[in-house]
Amino acid sequence: MSNIVLYSSEFCPYCRRARALLDRKGVTYAVLDVDRDPQLWREIAERAGRATVPQIFIGDRYLGGCDDLVALDRRGELDSLLNPL
């Protein structure tokens, strides 16, 4: 399983945007689809303290949602998190 986990919904435009950014970065990530497994909502609440998607993790590090992911990329901090030395 990938070190990058994205809790997502097929119908969420922010989820699609986050996946598109990760795809452009060329990284492998696991998508946990809340539409197919409603129990994942409980897991999101426990791990992130939020009740929205997307929620993104790298290992045990919580990155946040789509806006947080985009902000990390704009600050130039995302690549080092996705591809550590």
PDB file of N, CA and C in Angstrom:
ATOM      1  N   MET A   1       0.843  -1.189   0.000  1.00  0.00           N
ATOM      2  CA  MET A   1       0.000   0.000   0.000  1.00  0.00           C
ATOM      3  C   MET A   1       0.882   1.243   0.000  1.00  0.00           C
ATOM      4  N   SER A   2       0.403   2.282  -0.630  1.00  0.00           N
ATOM      5  CA  SER A   2       1.142   3.530  -0.733  1.00  0.00           C
ATOM      6  C   SER A   2       1.265   4.204   0.628  1.00  0.00           C
ATOM      7  N   ASN A   3       2.303   4.988   0.766  1.00  0.00           N
ATOM      8  CA  ASN A   3       2.517   5.790   1.963  1.00  0.00           C
ATOM      9  C   ASN A   3       1.583   6.999   1.983  1.00  0.00           C
ATOM     10  N   ILE A   4       1.030   7.364   0.822  1.00  0.00           N
ATOM     11  CA  ILE A   4       0.130   8.505   0.696  1.00  0.00           C
ATOM     12  C   ILE A   4      -1.303   7.977   0.643  1.00  0.00           C
ATOM     13  N   VAL A   5      -2.148   8.507   1.515  1.00  0.00           N
ATOM     14  CA  VAL A   5      -3.544   8.065   1.582  1.00  0.00           C
ATOM     15  C   VAL A   5      -4.449   9.268   1.382  1.00  0.00           C
ATOM     16  N   LEU A   6      -5.426   9.090   0.513  1.00  0.00           N
ATOM     17  CA  LEU A   6      -6.391  10.138   0.200  1.00  0.00           C
ATOM     18  C   LEU A   6      -7.789   9.590   0.456  1.00  0.00           C
ATOM     19  N   TYR A   7      -8.463  10.119   1.475  1.00  0.00           N
ATOM     20  CA  TYR A   7      -9.873   9.795   1.691  1.00  0.00           C
ATOM     21  C   TYR A   7     -10.644  10.647   0.700  1.00  0.00           C
ATOM     22  N   SER A   8     -11.519  10.022  -0.077  1.00  0.00           N
ATOM     23  CA  SER A   8     -12.083  10.706  -1.225  1.00  0.00           C
ATOM     24  C   SER A   8     -13.497  10.239  -1.521  1.00  0.00           C
ATOM     25  N   SER A   9     -14.196  11.076  -2.299  1.00  0.00           N
ATOM     26  CA  SER A   9     -15.495  10.731  -2.852  1.00  0.00           C
ATOM     27  C   SER A   9     -15.426  10.949  -4.359  1.00  0.00           C
ATOM     28  N   GLU A  10     -16.036  10.063  -5.089  1.00  0.00           N
ATOM     29  CA  GLU A  10     -16.027  10.164  -6.548  1.00  0.00           C
ATOM     30  C   GLU A  10     -16.691  11.449  -7.035  1.00  0.00           C
ATOM     31  N   PHE A  11     -17.631  11.953  -6.281  1.00  0.00           N
ATOM     32  CA  PHE A  11     -18.431  13.089  -6.710  1.00  0.00           C
ATOM     33  C   PHE A  11     -17.917  14.437  -6.204  1.00  0.00           C
ATOM     34  N   CYS A  12     -16.830  14.441  -5.498  1.00  0.00           N
ATOM     35  CA  CYS A  12     -16.298  15.647  -4.871  1.00  0.00           C
ATOM     36  C   CYS A  12     -15.296  16.348  -5.792  1.00  0.00           C
ATOM     37  N   PRO A  13     -15.568  17.602  -6.174  1.00  0.00           N
ATOM     38  CA  PRO A  13     -14.635  18.306  -7.053  1.00  0.00           C
ATOM     39  C   PRO A  13     -13.284  18.580  -6.390  1.00  0.00           C
ATOM     40  N   TYR A  14     -13.266  18.772  -5.082  1.00  0.00           N
ATOM     41  CA  TYR A  14     -12.003  18.993  -4.376  1.00  0.00           C
ATOM     42  C   TYR A  14     -11.165  17.719  -4.344  1.00  0.00           C
ATOM     43  N   CYS A  15     -11.838  16.589  -4.240  1.00  0.00           N
ATOM     44  CA  CYS A  15     -11.138  15.306  -4.290  1.00  0.00           C
ATOM     45  C   CYS A  15     -10.493  15.106  -5.658  1.00  0.00           C
ATOM     46  N   ARG A  16     -11.236  15.424  -6.704  1.00  0.00           N
ATOM     47  CA  ARG A  16     -10.688  15.298  -8.064  1.00  0.00           C
ATOM     48  C   ARG A  16      -9.491  16.223  -8.248  1.00  0.00           C
ATOM     49  N   ARG A  17      -9.581  17.430  -7.698  1.00  0.00           N
ATOM     50  CA  ARG A  17      -8.463  18.377  -7.805  1.00  0.00           C
ATOM     51  C   ARG A  17      -7.233  17.859  -7.059  1.00  0.00           C
ATOM     52  N   ALA A  18      -7.428  17.314  -5.868  1.00  0.00           N
ATOM     53  CA  ALA A  18      -6.307  16.776  -5.101  1.00  0.00           C
ATOM     54  C   ALA A  18      -5.680  15.588  -5.836  1.00  0.00           C
ATOM     55  N   ARG A  19      -6.512  14.699  -6.378  1.00  0.00           N
ATOM     56  CA  ARG A  19      -5.983  13.552  -7.134  1.00  0.00           C
ATOM     57  C   ARG A  19      -5.221  14.027  -8.364  1.00  0.00           C
ATOM     58  N   ALA A  20      -5.743  15.041  -9.050  1.00  0.00           N
ATOM     59  CA  ALA A  20      -5.064  15.561 -10.248  1.00  0.00           C
ATOM     60  C   ALA A  20      -3.689  16.126  -9.888  1.00  0.00           C
ATOM     61  N   LEU A  21      -3.584  16.823  -8.764  1.00  0.00           N
ATOM     62  CA  LEU A  21      -2.291  17.358  -8.345  1.00  0.00           C
ATOM     63  C   LEU A  21      -1.313  16.234  -8.028  1.00  0.00           C
ATOM     64  N   LEU A  22      -1.774  15.229  -7.303  1.00  0.00           N
ATOM     65  CA  LEU A  22      -0.902  14.091  -6.990  1.00  0.00           C
ATOM     66  C   LEU A  22      -0.515  13.340  -8.261  1.00  0.00           C
ATOM     67  N   ASP A  23      -1.438  13.224  -9.205  1.00  0.00           N
ATOM     68  CA  ASP A  23      -1.119  12.579 -10.485  1.00  0.00           C
ATOM     69  C   ASP A  23      -0.046  13.361 -11.234  1.00  0.00           C
ATOM     70  N   ARG A  24      -0.163  14.692 -11.253  1.00  0.00           N
ATOM     71  CA  ARG A  24       0.855  15.519 -11.922  1.00  0.00           C
ATOM     72  C   ARG A  24       2.221  15.355 -11.271  1.00  0.00           C
ATOM     73  N   LYS A  25       2.222  15.104  -9.972  1.00  0.00           N
ATOM     74  CA  LYS A  25       3.483  14.901  -9.250  1.00  0.00           C
ATOM     75  C   LYS A  25       4.062  13.510  -9.525  1.00  0.00           C
ATOM     76  N   GLY A  26       3.270  12.627 -10.122  1.00  0.00           N
ATOM     77  CA  GLY A  26       3.751  11.304 -10.485  1.00  0.00           C
ATOM     78  C   GLY A  26       3.944  10.352  -9.319  1.00  0.00           C
ATOM     79  N   VAL A  27       3.208  10.580  -8.241  1.00  0.00           N
ATOM     80  CA  VAL A  27       3.336   9.715  -7.069  1.00  0.00           C
ATOM     81  C   VAL A  27       2.201   8.696  -7.033  1.00  0.00           C
ATOM     82  N   THR A  28       2.457   7.614  -6.370  1.00  0.00           N
ATOM     83  CA  THR A  28       1.446   6.587  -6.148  1.00  0.00           C
ATOM     84  C   THR A  28       0.768   6.879  -4.823  1.00  0.00           C
ATOM     85  N   TYR A  29      -0.543   6.757  -4.815  1.00  0.00           N
ATOM     86  CA  TYR A  29      -1.292   7.009  -3.594  1.00  0.00           C
ATOM     87  C   TYR A  29      -2.483   6.063  -3.535  1.00  0.00           C
ATOM     88  N   ALA A  30      -2.934   5.822  -2.315  1.00  0.00           N
ATOM     89  CA  ALA A  30      -4.106   4.972  -2.098  1.00  0.00           C
ATOM     90  C   ALA A  30      -5.324   5.863  -1.925  1.00  0.00           C
ATOM     91  N   VAL A  31      -6.402   5.517  -2.620  1.00  0.00           N
ATOM     92  CA  VAL A  31      -7.665   6.235  -2.489  1.00  0.00           C
ATOM     93  C   VAL A  31      -8.609   5.382  -1.649  1.00  0.00           C
ATOM     94  N   LEU A  32      -9.073   5.948  -0.555  1.00  0.00           N
ATOM     95  CA  LEU A  32     -10.067   5.288   0.276  1.00  0.00           C
ATOM     96  C   LEU A  32     -11.396   5.976  -0.017  1.00  0.00           C
ATOM     97  N   ASP A  33     -12.252   5.293  -0.729  1.00  0.00           N
ATOM     98  CA  ASP A  33     -13.496   5.858  -1.255  1.00  0.00           C
ATOM     99  C   ASP A  33     -14.613   5.778  -0.220  1.00  0.00           C
ATOM    100  N   VAL A  34     -14.999   6.927   0.304  1.00  0.00           N
ATOM    101  CA  VAL A  34     -16.043   6.966   1.332  1.00  0.00           C
ATOM    102  C   VAL A  34     -17.414   6.613   0.777  1.00  0.00           C
ATOM    103  N   ASP A  35     -17.571   6.706  -0.542  1.00  0.00           N
ATOM    104  CA  ASP A  35     -18.845   6.321  -1.157  1.00  0.00           C
ATOM    105  C   ASP A  35     -19.051   4.813  -1.085  1.00  0.00           C
ATOM    106  N   ARG A  36     -17.983   4.077  -1.172  1.00  0.00           N
ATOM    107  CA  ARG A  36     -18.063   2.611  -1.159  1.00  0.00           C
ATOM    108  C   ARG A  36     -17.994   2.015   0.240  1.00  0.00           C
ATOM    109  N   ASP A  37     -17.429   2.779   1.172  1.00  0.00           N
ATOM    110  CA  ASP A  37     -17.278   2.284   2.534  1.00  0.00           C
ATOM    111  C   ASP A  37     -17.621   3.401   3.526  1.00  0.00           C
ATOM    112  N   PRO A  38     -18.888   3.528   3.892  1.00  0.00           N
ATOM    113  CA  PRO A  38     -19.309   4.610   4.792  1.00  0.00           C
ATOM    114  C   PRO A  38     -18.609   4.601   6.154  1.00  0.00           C
ATOM    115  N   GLN A  39     -18.060   3.468   6.564  1.00  0.00           N
ATOM    116  CA  GLN A  39     -17.330   3.406   7.833  1.00  0.00           C
ATOM    117  C   GLN A  39     -16.095   4.299   7.813  1.00  0.00           C
ATOM    118  N   LEU A  40     -15.630   4.633   6.613  1.00  0.00           N
ATOM    119  CA  LEU A  40     -14.452   5.489   6.494  1.00  0.00           C
ATOM    120  C   LEU A  40     -14.712   6.888   7.044  1.00  0.00           C
ATOM    121  N   TRP A  41     -15.977   7.322   7.091  1.00  0.00           N
ATOM    122  CA  TRP A  41     -16.283   8.630   7.678  1.00  0.00           C
ATOM    123  C   TRP A  41     -15.864   8.670   9.145  1.00  0.00           C
ATOM    124  N   ARG A  42     -16.093   7.591   9.850  1.00  0.00           N
ATOM    125  CA  ARG A  42     -15.688   7.499  11.263  1.00  0.00           C
ATOM    126  C   ARG A  42     -14.167   7.547  11.374  1.00  0.00           C
ATOM    127  N   GLU A  43     -13.511   6.845  10.464  1.00  0.00           N
ATOM    128  CA  GLU A  43     -12.047   6.836  10.450  1.00  0.00           C
ATOM    129  C   GLU A  43     -11.491   8.240  10.177  1.00  0.00           C
ATOM    130  N   ILE A  44     -12.110   8.960   9.240  1.00  0.00           N
ATOM    131  CA  ILE A  44     -11.678  10.331   8.950  1.00  0.00           C
ATOM    132  C   ILE A  44     -11.822  11.204  10.202  1.00  0.00           C
ATOM    133  N   ALA A  45     -12.951  11.091  10.863  1.00  0.00           N
ATOM    134  CA  ALA A  45     -13.192  11.897  12.067  1.00  0.00           C
ATOM    135  C   ALA A  45     -12.145  11.602  13.131  1.00  0.00           C
ATOM    136  N   GLU A  46     -11.798  10.338  13.294  1.00  0.00           N
ATOM    137  CA  GLU A  46     -10.804   9.957  14.298  1.00  0.00           C
ATOM    138  C   GLU A  46      -9.407  10.436  13.919  1.00  0.00           C
ATOM    139  N   ARG A  47      -9.032  10.266  12.649  1.00  0.00           N
ATOM    140  CA  ARG A  47      -7.677  10.614  12.220  1.00  0.00           C
ATOM    141  C   ARG A  47      -7.478  12.105  11.998  1.00  0.00           C
ATOM    142  N   ALA A  48      -8.486  12.772  11.423  1.00  0.00           N
ATOM    143  CA  ALA A  48      -8.315  14.161  11.016  1.00  0.00           C
ATOM    144  C   ALA A  48      -9.105  15.149  11.868  1.00  0.00           C
ATOM    145  N   GLY A  49     -10.098  14.647  12.583  1.00  0.00           N
ATOM    146  CA  GLY A  49     -10.939  15.546  13.353  1.00  0.00           C
ATOM    147  C   GLY A  49     -11.860  16.380  12.473  1.00  0.00           C
ATOM    148  N   ARG A  50     -12.058  15.949  11.246  1.00  0.00           N
ATOM    149  CA  ARG A  50     -12.923  16.644  10.297  1.00  0.00           C
ATOM    150  C   ARG A  50     -13.930  15.653   9.730  1.00  0.00           C
ATOM    151  N   ALA A  51     -14.947  16.203   9.092  1.00  0.00           N
ATOM    152  CA  ALA A  51     -15.986  15.350   8.500  1.00  0.00           C
ATOM    153  C   ALA A  51     -16.210  15.724   7.040  1.00  0.00           C
ATOM    154  N   THR A  52     -15.121  16.004   6.341  1.00  0.00           N
ATOM    155  CA  THR A  52     -15.198  16.359   4.924  1.00  0.00           C
ATOM    156  C   THR A  52     -14.126  15.588   4.158  1.00  0.00           C
ATOM    157  N   VAL A  53     -14.278  15.548   2.857  1.00  0.00           N
ATOM    158  CA  VAL A  53     -13.253  14.976   1.988  1.00  0.00           C
ATOM    159  C   VAL A  53     -12.843  16.041   0.988  1.00  0.00           C
ATOM    160  N   PRO A  54     -11.631  15.950   0.486  1.00  0.00           N
ATOM    161  CA  PRO A  54     -10.628  14.944   0.763  1.00  0.00           C
ATOM    162  C   PRO A  54      -9.897  15.226   2.080  1.00  0.00           C
ATOM    163  N   GLN A  55      -9.330  14.190   2.620  1.00  0.00           N
ATOM    164  CA  GLN A  55      -8.405  14.278   3.744  1.00  0.00           C
ATOM    165  C   GLN A  55      -7.171  13.491   3.319  1.00  0.00           C
ATOM    166  N   ILE A  56      -6.003  14.092   3.474  1.00  0.00           N
ATOM    167  CA  ILE A  56      -4.788  13.544   2.886  1.00  0.00           C
ATOM    168  C   ILE A  56      -3.744  13.322   3.970  1.00  0.00           C
ATOM    169  N   PHE A  57      -3.125  12.152   3.914  1.00  0.00           N
ATOM    170  CA  PHE A  57      -2.075  11.771   4.857  1.00  0.00           C
ATOM    171  C   PHE A  57      -0.866  11.259   4.090  1.00  0.00           C
ATOM    172  N   ILE A  58       0.306  11.561   4.602  1.00  0.00           N
ATOM    173  CA  ILE A  58       1.534  10.917   4.144  1.00  0.00           C
ATOM    174  C   ILE A  58       2.083  10.205   5.364  1.00  0.00           C
ATOM    175  N   GLY A  59       2.018   8.886   5.339  1.00  0.00           N
ATOM    176  CA  GLY A  59       2.369   8.121   6.530  1.00  0.00           C
ATOM    177  C   GLY A  59       1.438   8.529   7.652  1.00  0.00           C
ATOM    178  N   ASP A  60       2.002   8.888   8.793  1.00  0.00           N
ATOM    179  CA  ASP A  60       1.207   9.336   9.933  1.00  0.00           C
ATOM    180  C   ASP A  60       0.994  10.846   9.933  1.00  0.00           C
ATOM    181  N   ARG A  61       1.604  11.529   8.972  1.00  0.00           N
ATOM    182  CA  ARG A  61       1.491  12.993   8.921  1.00  0.00           C
ATOM    183  C   ARG A  61       0.206  13.401   8.205  1.00  0.00           C
ATOM    184  N   TYR A  62      -0.579  14.200   8.882  1.00  0.00           N
ATOM    185  CA  TYR A  62      -1.831  14.711   8.329  1.00  0.00           C
ATOM    186  C   TYR A  62      -1.538  16.002   7.577  1.00  0.00           C
ATOM    187  N   LEU A  63      -1.866  16.024   6.268  1.00  0.00           N
ATOM    188  CA  LEU A  63      -1.662  17.222   5.459  1.00  0.00           C
ATOM    189  C   LEU A  63      -2.871  18.129   5.441  1.00  0.00           C
ATOM    190  N   GLY A  64      -4.064  17.571   5.547  1.00  0.00           N
ATOM    191  CA  GLY A  64      -5.285  18.358   5.485  1.00  0.00           C
ATOM    192  C   GLY A  64      -6.085  18.009   4.253  1.00  0.00           C
ATOM    193  N   GLY A  65      -6.813  19.008   3.748  1.00  0.00           N
ATOM    194  CA  GLY A  65      -7.653  18.811   2.581  1.00  0.00           C
ATOM    195  C   GLY A  65      -7.004  19.330   1.316  1.00  0.00           C
ATOM    196  N   CYS A  66      -7.811  19.517   0.298  1.00  0.00           N
ATOM    197  CA  CYS A  66      -7.320  19.950  -1.008  1.00  0.00           C
ATOM    198  C   CYS A  66      -6.629  21.305  -0.927  1.00  0.00           C
ATOM    199  N   ASP A  67      -7.263  22.275  -0.278  1.00  0.00           N
ATOM    200  CA  ASP A  67      -6.663  23.608  -0.180  1.00  0.00           C
ATOM    201  C   ASP A  67      -5.316  23.562   0.523  1.00  0.00           C
ATOM    202  N   ASP A  68      -5.195  22.711   1.532  1.00  0.00           N
ATOM    203  CA  ASP A  68      -3.924  22.565   2.241  1.00  0.00           C
ATOM    204  C   ASP A  68      -2.858  21.965   1.331  1.00  0.00           C
ATOM    205  N   LEU A  69      -3.255  20.974   0.535  1.00  0.00           N
ATOM    206  CA  LEU A  69      -2.328  20.330  -0.404  1.00  0.00           C
ATOM    207  C   LEU A  69      -1.840  21.335  -1.446  1.00  0.00           C
ATOM    208  N   VAL A  70      -2.757  22.102  -1.993  1.00  0.00           N
ATOM    209  CA  VAL A  70      -2.402  23.107  -2.999  1.00  0.00           C
ATOM    210  C   VAL A  70      -1.496  24.173  -2.385  1.00  0.00           C
ATOM    211  N   ALA A  71      -1.787  24.604  -1.172  1.00  0.00           N
ATOM    212  CA  ALA A  71      -0.956  25.611  -0.500  1.00  0.00           C
ATOM    213  C   ALA A  71       0.461  25.094  -0.280  1.00  0.00           C
ATOM    214  N   LEU A  72       0.592  23.838   0.132  1.00  0.00           N
ATOM    215  CA  LEU A  72       1.929  23.246   0.286  1.00  0.00           C
ATOM    216  C   LEU A  72       2.680  23.264  -1.032  1.00  0.00           C
ATOM    217  N   ASP A  73       1.985  22.945  -2.108  1.00  0.00           N
ATOM    218  CA  ASP A  73       2.619  22.939  -3.427  1.00  0.00           C
ATOM    219  C   ASP A  73       3.048  24.349  -3.823  1.00  0.00           C
ATOM    220  N   ARG A  74       2.201  25.322  -3.618  1.00  0.00           N
ATOM    221  CA  ARG A  74       2.525  26.706  -3.978  1.00  0.00           C
ATOM    222  C   ARG A  74       3.711  27.248  -3.184  1.00  0.00           C
ATOM    223  N   ARG A  75       3.852  26.790  -1.936  1.00  0.00           N
ATOM    224  CA  ARG A  75       4.987  27.222  -1.108  1.00  0.00           C
ATOM    225  C   ARG A  75       6.263  26.445  -1.429  1.00  0.00           C
ATOM    226  N   GLY A  76       6.146  25.445  -2.316  1.00  0.00           N
ATOM    227  CA  GLY A  76       7.306  24.643  -2.673  1.00  0.00           C
ATOM    228  C   GLY A  76       7.667  23.588  -1.652  1.00  0.00           C
ATOM    229  N   GLU A  77       6.745  23.252  -0.778  1.00  0.00           N
ATOM    230  CA  GLU A  77       7.019  22.288   0.292  1.00  0.00           C
ATOM    231  C   GLU A  77       6.497  20.892   0.011  1.00  0.00           C
ATOM    232  N   LEU A  78       5.656  20.743  -0.998  1.00  0.00           N
ATOM    233  CA  LEU A  78       5.004  19.452  -1.242  1.00  0.00           C
ATOM    234  C   LEU A  78       5.967  18.411  -1.785  1.00  0.00           C
ATOM    235  N   ASP A  79       6.810  18.786  -2.723  1.00  0.00           N
ATOM    236  CA  ASP A  79       7.700  17.811  -3.368  1.00  0.00           C
ATOM    237  C   ASP A  79       8.586  17.090  -2.363  1.00  0.00           C
ATOM    238  N   SER A  80       9.118  17.813  -1.384  1.00  0.00           N
ATOM    239  CA  SER A  80       9.995  17.162  -0.388  1.00  0.00           C
ATOM    240  C   SER A  80       9.213  16.203   0.509  1.00  0.00           C
ATOM    241  N   LEU A  81       7.918  16.464   0.697  1.00  0.00           N
ATOM    242  CA  LEU A  81       7.102  15.546   1.485  1.00  0.00           C
ATOM    243  C   LEU A  81       6.756  14.290   0.674  1.00  0.00           C
ATOM    244  N   LEU A  82       6.513  14.482  -0.608  1.00  0.00           N
ATOM    245  CA  LEU A  82       6.133  13.361  -1.468  1.00  0.00           C
ATOM    246  C   LEU A  82       7.314  12.476  -1.828  1.00  0.00           C
ATOM    247  N   ASN A  83       8.485  13.086  -1.931  1.00  0.00           N
ATOM    248  CA  ASN A  83       9.687  12.360  -2.356  1.00  0.00           C
ATOM    249  C   ASN A  83      10.829  12.628  -1.383  1.00  0.00           C
ATOM    250  N   PRO A  84      10.733  12.118  -0.151  1.00  0.00           N
ATOM    251  CA  PRO A  84      11.800  12.391   0.822  1.00  0.00           C
ATOM    252  C   PRO A  84      13.107  11.740   0.377  1.00  0.00           C
ATOM    253  N   LEU A  85      14.218  12.360   0.781  1.00  0.00           N
ATOM    254  CA  LEU A  85      15.540  11.828   0.425  1.00  0.00           C
ATOM    255  C   LEU A  85      15.850  10.553   1.144  1.00  0.00           C
TER     256      LEU A  85
END
